[in-house]
Every structure is written in structure tokens, then in C-alpha cells.
N, C-alpha and C. Protein backbone atom coordinates (compact mmCIF):
# COMPACT_ATOMS: atom_id res chain seq x y z
N MET A 1 -5.65 94.39 8.68
CA MET A 1 -6.61 93.41 9.13
C MET A 1 -6.20 92.04 8.59
N SER A 2 -6.11 91.06 9.47
CA SER A 2 -5.68 89.73 9.04
C SER A 2 -6.87 88.93 8.53
N LYS A 3 -6.57 88.00 7.65
CA LYS A 3 -7.62 87.14 7.10
C LYS A 3 -7.97 86.05 8.11
N THR A 4 -9.23 85.75 8.17
CA THR A 4 -9.70 84.67 9.03
C THR A 4 -9.60 83.37 8.26
N LYS A 5 -8.97 82.38 8.89
CA LYS A 5 -8.89 81.07 8.26
C LYS A 5 -10.05 80.22 8.74
N THR A 6 -10.68 79.57 7.79
CA THR A 6 -11.78 78.68 8.13
C THR A 6 -11.49 77.29 7.59
N LYS A 7 -12.20 76.31 8.13
CA LYS A 7 -12.08 74.95 7.60
C LYS A 7 -13.48 74.35 7.55
N LEU A 8 -13.64 73.36 6.72
CA LEU A 8 -14.93 72.70 6.61
C LEU A 8 -15.28 72.03 7.94
N TRP A 9 -16.56 72.07 8.28
CA TRP A 9 -17.03 71.43 9.49
C TRP A 9 -17.05 69.93 9.25
N ASP A 10 -16.44 69.18 10.15
CA ASP A 10 -16.36 67.73 10.03
C ASP A 10 -17.18 67.10 11.15
N PRO A 11 -18.34 66.54 10.82
CA PRO A 11 -19.20 65.95 11.85
C PRO A 11 -18.49 64.88 12.68
N SER A 12 -17.56 64.15 12.07
CA SER A 12 -16.90 63.06 12.80
C SER A 12 -16.12 63.55 14.01
N GLU A 13 -15.74 64.83 14.00
CA GLU A 13 -15.01 65.40 15.13
C GLU A 13 -15.92 65.66 16.33
N HIS A 14 -17.23 65.55 16.14
CA HIS A 14 -18.19 65.87 17.19
C HIS A 14 -19.01 64.66 17.64
N LEU A 15 -18.63 63.48 17.16
CA LEU A 15 -19.33 62.26 17.52
C LEU A 15 -18.51 61.50 18.56
N ALA A 16 -18.63 61.92 19.81
CA ALA A 16 -17.76 61.40 20.87
C ALA A 16 -18.30 60.15 21.54
N SER A 17 -19.62 59.98 21.57
CA SER A 17 -20.19 58.86 22.30
C SER A 17 -21.07 58.01 21.37
N GLU A 18 -21.38 56.81 21.82
CA GLU A 18 -22.27 55.95 21.05
C GLU A 18 -23.65 56.58 20.94
N GLU A 19 -24.07 57.32 21.95
CA GLU A 19 -25.36 58.00 21.91
C GLU A 19 -25.35 59.08 20.83
N ASP A 20 -24.25 59.83 20.72
CA ASP A 20 -24.12 60.84 19.67
C ASP A 20 -24.22 60.19 18.29
N MET A 21 -23.52 59.07 18.14
CA MET A 21 -23.49 58.37 16.85
C MET A 21 -24.87 57.84 16.49
N ALA A 22 -25.55 57.24 17.46
CA ALA A 22 -26.89 56.70 17.21
C ALA A 22 -27.87 57.83 16.86
N ALA A 23 -27.79 58.94 17.56
CA ALA A 23 -28.69 60.07 17.28
C ALA A 23 -28.43 60.65 15.89
N TYR A 24 -27.17 60.72 15.50
CA TYR A 24 -26.79 61.25 14.19
C TYR A 24 -27.33 60.34 13.08
N LEU A 25 -27.16 59.03 13.25
CA LEU A 25 -27.68 58.09 12.25
C LEU A 25 -29.20 58.14 12.22
N GLU A 26 -29.84 58.22 13.37
CA GLU A 26 -31.30 58.30 13.43
C GLU A 26 -31.81 59.53 12.68
N ALA A 27 -31.16 60.66 12.85
CA ALA A 27 -31.56 61.88 12.15
C ALA A 27 -31.43 61.69 10.63
N ALA A 28 -30.36 61.04 10.19
CA ALA A 28 -30.18 60.79 8.76
C ALA A 28 -31.26 59.83 8.24
N LEU A 29 -31.58 58.80 9.02
CA LEU A 29 -32.61 57.85 8.61
C LEU A 29 -33.97 58.54 8.48
N GLN A 30 -34.26 59.46 9.38
CA GLN A 30 -35.54 60.16 9.34
C GLN A 30 -35.68 61.04 8.10
N GLU A 31 -34.55 61.51 7.57
CA GLU A 31 -34.60 62.30 6.34
C GLU A 31 -34.96 61.44 5.14
N GLY A 32 -34.61 60.15 5.18
CA GLY A 32 -34.98 59.24 4.11
C GLY A 32 -34.15 59.36 2.84
N ASP A 33 -33.03 60.04 2.90
CA ASP A 33 -32.16 60.23 1.74
C ASP A 33 -31.01 59.23 1.82
N ALA A 34 -30.93 58.31 0.86
CA ALA A 34 -29.92 57.25 0.89
C ALA A 34 -28.50 57.81 0.91
N ALA A 35 -28.25 58.87 0.17
CA ALA A 35 -26.91 59.46 0.13
C ALA A 35 -26.55 60.06 1.49
N LEU A 36 -27.52 60.68 2.14
CA LEU A 36 -27.28 61.26 3.46
C LEU A 36 -27.01 60.17 4.49
N ILE A 37 -27.74 59.07 4.40
CA ILE A 37 -27.53 57.94 5.32
C ILE A 37 -26.14 57.36 5.14
N ALA A 38 -25.73 57.15 3.89
CA ALA A 38 -24.39 56.62 3.62
C ALA A 38 -23.32 57.58 4.14
N ALA A 39 -23.51 58.87 3.92
CA ALA A 39 -22.53 59.86 4.38
C ALA A 39 -22.48 59.89 5.91
N ALA A 40 -23.64 59.77 6.56
CA ALA A 40 -23.67 59.76 8.03
C ALA A 40 -22.93 58.54 8.56
N LEU A 41 -23.14 57.39 7.93
CA LEU A 41 -22.39 56.18 8.34
C LEU A 41 -20.89 56.39 8.14
N GLY A 42 -20.52 57.07 7.06
CA GLY A 42 -19.12 57.37 6.83
C GLY A 42 -18.54 58.28 7.91
N ASP A 43 -19.31 59.28 8.31
CA ASP A 43 -18.87 60.18 9.39
C ASP A 43 -18.69 59.41 10.70
N ILE A 44 -19.64 58.53 10.99
CA ILE A 44 -19.56 57.75 12.23
C ILE A 44 -18.38 56.79 12.18
N ALA A 45 -18.19 56.14 11.04
CA ALA A 45 -17.06 55.22 10.90
C ALA A 45 -15.73 55.96 11.03
N LYS A 46 -15.68 57.17 10.47
CA LYS A 46 -14.47 57.99 10.59
C LYS A 46 -14.20 58.34 12.05
N ALA A 47 -15.27 58.66 12.78
CA ALA A 47 -15.12 59.00 14.20
C ALA A 47 -14.61 57.81 15.00
N LYS A 48 -15.07 56.62 14.66
CA LYS A 48 -14.64 55.40 15.37
C LYS A 48 -13.26 54.95 14.91
N GLY A 49 -12.91 55.28 13.68
CA GLY A 49 -11.64 54.84 13.10
C GLY A 49 -11.89 53.96 11.89
N MET A 50 -11.72 54.51 10.71
CA MET A 50 -12.05 53.79 9.48
C MET A 50 -11.22 52.52 9.33
N SER A 51 -9.97 52.55 9.76
CA SER A 51 -9.12 51.36 9.66
C SER A 51 -9.68 50.23 10.52
N GLN A 52 -10.14 50.58 11.72
CA GLN A 52 -10.72 49.58 12.61
C GLN A 52 -12.00 49.00 12.00
N ILE A 53 -12.84 49.84 11.45
CA ILE A 53 -14.09 49.38 10.83
C ILE A 53 -13.77 48.49 9.63
N ALA A 54 -12.76 48.85 8.85
CA ALA A 54 -12.36 48.03 7.71
C ALA A 54 -11.92 46.64 8.17
N ARG A 55 -11.13 46.59 9.23
CA ARG A 55 -10.69 45.28 9.75
C ARG A 55 -11.87 44.45 10.23
N GLU A 56 -12.76 45.07 10.98
CA GLU A 56 -13.89 44.35 11.56
C GLU A 56 -14.89 43.86 10.52
N THR A 57 -15.03 44.60 9.43
CA THR A 57 -16.00 44.22 8.40
C THR A 57 -15.39 43.37 7.30
N GLY A 58 -14.06 43.37 7.21
CA GLY A 58 -13.40 42.65 6.13
C GLY A 58 -13.45 43.41 4.81
N LEU A 59 -13.77 44.68 4.87
CA LEU A 59 -13.84 45.52 3.68
C LEU A 59 -12.63 46.44 3.61
N GLY A 60 -12.28 46.88 2.42
CA GLY A 60 -11.13 47.75 2.25
C GLY A 60 -11.41 49.16 2.76
N ARG A 61 -10.42 49.75 3.41
CA ARG A 61 -10.57 51.08 3.97
C ARG A 61 -10.91 52.11 2.90
N GLU A 62 -10.19 52.08 1.79
CA GLU A 62 -10.44 53.06 0.71
C GLU A 62 -11.83 52.86 0.10
N SER A 63 -12.24 51.60 -0.06
CA SER A 63 -13.58 51.37 -0.62
C SER A 63 -14.66 51.82 0.35
N LEU A 64 -14.40 51.71 1.66
CA LEU A 64 -15.35 52.22 2.65
C LEU A 64 -15.47 53.74 2.56
N TYR A 65 -14.32 54.42 2.47
CA TYR A 65 -14.37 55.88 2.33
C TYR A 65 -15.20 56.27 1.11
N LYS A 66 -14.99 55.56 0.00
CA LYS A 66 -15.68 55.89 -1.24
C LYS A 66 -17.17 55.58 -1.16
N SER A 67 -17.53 54.38 -0.67
CA SER A 67 -18.93 54.00 -0.66
C SER A 67 -19.72 54.72 0.43
N LEU A 68 -19.06 55.11 1.53
CA LEU A 68 -19.75 55.80 2.61
C LEU A 68 -19.56 57.31 2.52
N SER A 69 -19.72 57.81 1.32
CA SER A 69 -19.68 59.25 1.09
C SER A 69 -21.02 59.65 0.48
N ALA A 70 -21.27 60.92 0.37
CA ALA A 70 -22.53 61.40 -0.23
C ALA A 70 -22.65 60.97 -1.69
N GLU A 71 -21.52 60.74 -2.35
CA GLU A 71 -21.53 60.31 -3.75
C GLU A 71 -21.53 58.79 -3.89
N GLY A 72 -21.32 58.07 -2.79
CA GLY A 72 -21.23 56.62 -2.82
C GLY A 72 -22.59 55.97 -2.97
N ASN A 73 -22.55 54.70 -3.30
CA ASN A 73 -23.78 53.92 -3.44
C ASN A 73 -23.50 52.52 -2.89
N PRO A 74 -23.36 52.41 -1.56
CA PRO A 74 -22.98 51.13 -0.98
C PRO A 74 -24.09 50.09 -1.10
N GLU A 75 -23.67 48.83 -1.19
CA GLU A 75 -24.65 47.75 -1.17
C GLU A 75 -25.20 47.63 0.25
N PHE A 76 -26.40 47.09 0.36
CA PHE A 76 -27.03 46.97 1.67
C PHE A 76 -26.20 46.09 2.59
N ASP A 77 -25.56 45.08 2.05
CA ASP A 77 -24.69 44.21 2.85
C ASP A 77 -23.57 45.02 3.48
N THR A 78 -22.99 45.95 2.75
CA THR A 78 -21.94 46.81 3.28
C THR A 78 -22.48 47.67 4.41
N ILE A 79 -23.66 48.23 4.20
CA ILE A 79 -24.29 49.07 5.24
C ILE A 79 -24.49 48.26 6.51
N MET A 80 -25.01 47.05 6.38
CA MET A 80 -25.27 46.22 7.55
C MET A 80 -23.97 45.84 8.27
N LYS A 81 -22.94 45.52 7.52
CA LYS A 81 -21.64 45.19 8.14
C LYS A 81 -21.11 46.37 8.92
N VAL A 82 -21.20 47.57 8.35
CA VAL A 82 -20.70 48.77 9.02
C VAL A 82 -21.54 49.07 10.26
N ILE A 83 -22.86 48.99 10.14
CA ILE A 83 -23.73 49.25 11.29
C ILE A 83 -23.41 48.28 12.42
N ASN A 84 -23.26 47.01 12.11
CA ASN A 84 -22.93 46.02 13.14
C ASN A 84 -21.57 46.31 13.76
N SER A 85 -20.60 46.66 12.94
CA SER A 85 -19.26 46.97 13.44
C SER A 85 -19.27 48.19 14.35
N LEU A 86 -20.16 49.13 14.08
CA LEU A 86 -20.26 50.33 14.89
C LEU A 86 -21.02 50.11 16.19
N GLY A 87 -21.60 48.92 16.33
CA GLY A 87 -22.38 48.63 17.53
C GLY A 87 -23.74 49.29 17.52
N LEU A 88 -24.26 49.57 16.33
CA LEU A 88 -25.56 50.21 16.19
C LEU A 88 -26.57 49.20 15.64
N GLN A 89 -27.85 49.55 15.69
CA GLN A 89 -28.92 48.72 15.15
C GLN A 89 -29.87 49.58 14.35
N LEU A 90 -30.48 48.98 13.34
CA LEU A 90 -31.56 49.64 12.62
C LEU A 90 -32.87 49.19 13.24
N HIS A 91 -33.83 50.08 13.30
CA HIS A 91 -35.15 49.75 13.83
C HIS A 91 -36.21 50.24 12.86
N ALA A 92 -37.34 49.57 12.86
CA ALA A 92 -38.47 50.00 12.04
C ALA A 92 -39.63 50.39 12.94
N SER A 93 -40.36 51.40 12.52
CA SER A 93 -41.56 51.79 13.23
C SER A 93 -42.56 52.27 12.19
N PRO A 94 -43.83 52.25 12.52
CA PRO A 94 -44.83 52.71 11.56
C PRO A 94 -44.62 54.18 11.20
N SER A 95 -44.85 54.49 9.97
CA SER A 95 -44.73 55.86 9.49
C SER A 95 -45.90 56.69 10.00
N THR A 96 -45.62 57.92 10.32
CA THR A 96 -46.69 58.80 10.79
C THR A 96 -47.32 59.58 9.65
N GLY A 97 -46.69 59.50 8.46
CA GLY A 97 -47.21 60.22 7.29
C GLY A 97 -48.10 59.33 6.45
N ASN A 98 -48.53 59.86 5.33
CA ASN A 98 -49.41 59.11 4.44
C ASN A 98 -48.65 58.35 3.37
N GLY A 99 -47.39 58.21 3.51
CA GLY A 99 -46.75 57.40 2.51
C GLY A 99 -45.41 57.80 2.17
């Protein structure tokens, strides 16, 4: 019996359209976890091409990989630059919960 080879699931391989990317970021935003949001932005940037995002934002590619990971802690300015470069927008709406 042969061994089955597996690999880690990479969300960036499944983000083919802008609609997919926007829905993925929206789902992360709804969770409210800053690390998850940063990681989702990293996945989307990887899908679009991290080198391209680095050029468009004026930020270093390696620093983007690091800050847009689950362990990263990007500044809000970095997040906004990446979101704009990705052609996405943040929106606010009233919370349906009690706080």
C-alpha cells in the first residue's frame, strides 16, 4: 500500500476572482479577529501577486509576507495600502449584537 501525500491547503490558490477575494475578506472581518484579517489579506495579496502588491504599495515584499501572516501585526496604514492595492474597500454597518 502506497503512502498518500498531502499538502497544506492554501487559500490563495482558490481566490480566482475579485468577488472571491472580497467575500473571503468579508468573512474574516465578520470574525473580528485581527490576526485572521491580516492573514486573509496576506492570502489575497498572494493570490494577486505579492511582488505586484509590494510595488503598488511601496512596501517591501518580505515585510508584507511577515506582517500579513497570522503572527504579523501590521499597522493600519499598511492594511489600508494593501486593501487599496487589491481594489477592495472596507465598509461599516451597525452591529446586530449587543456589543
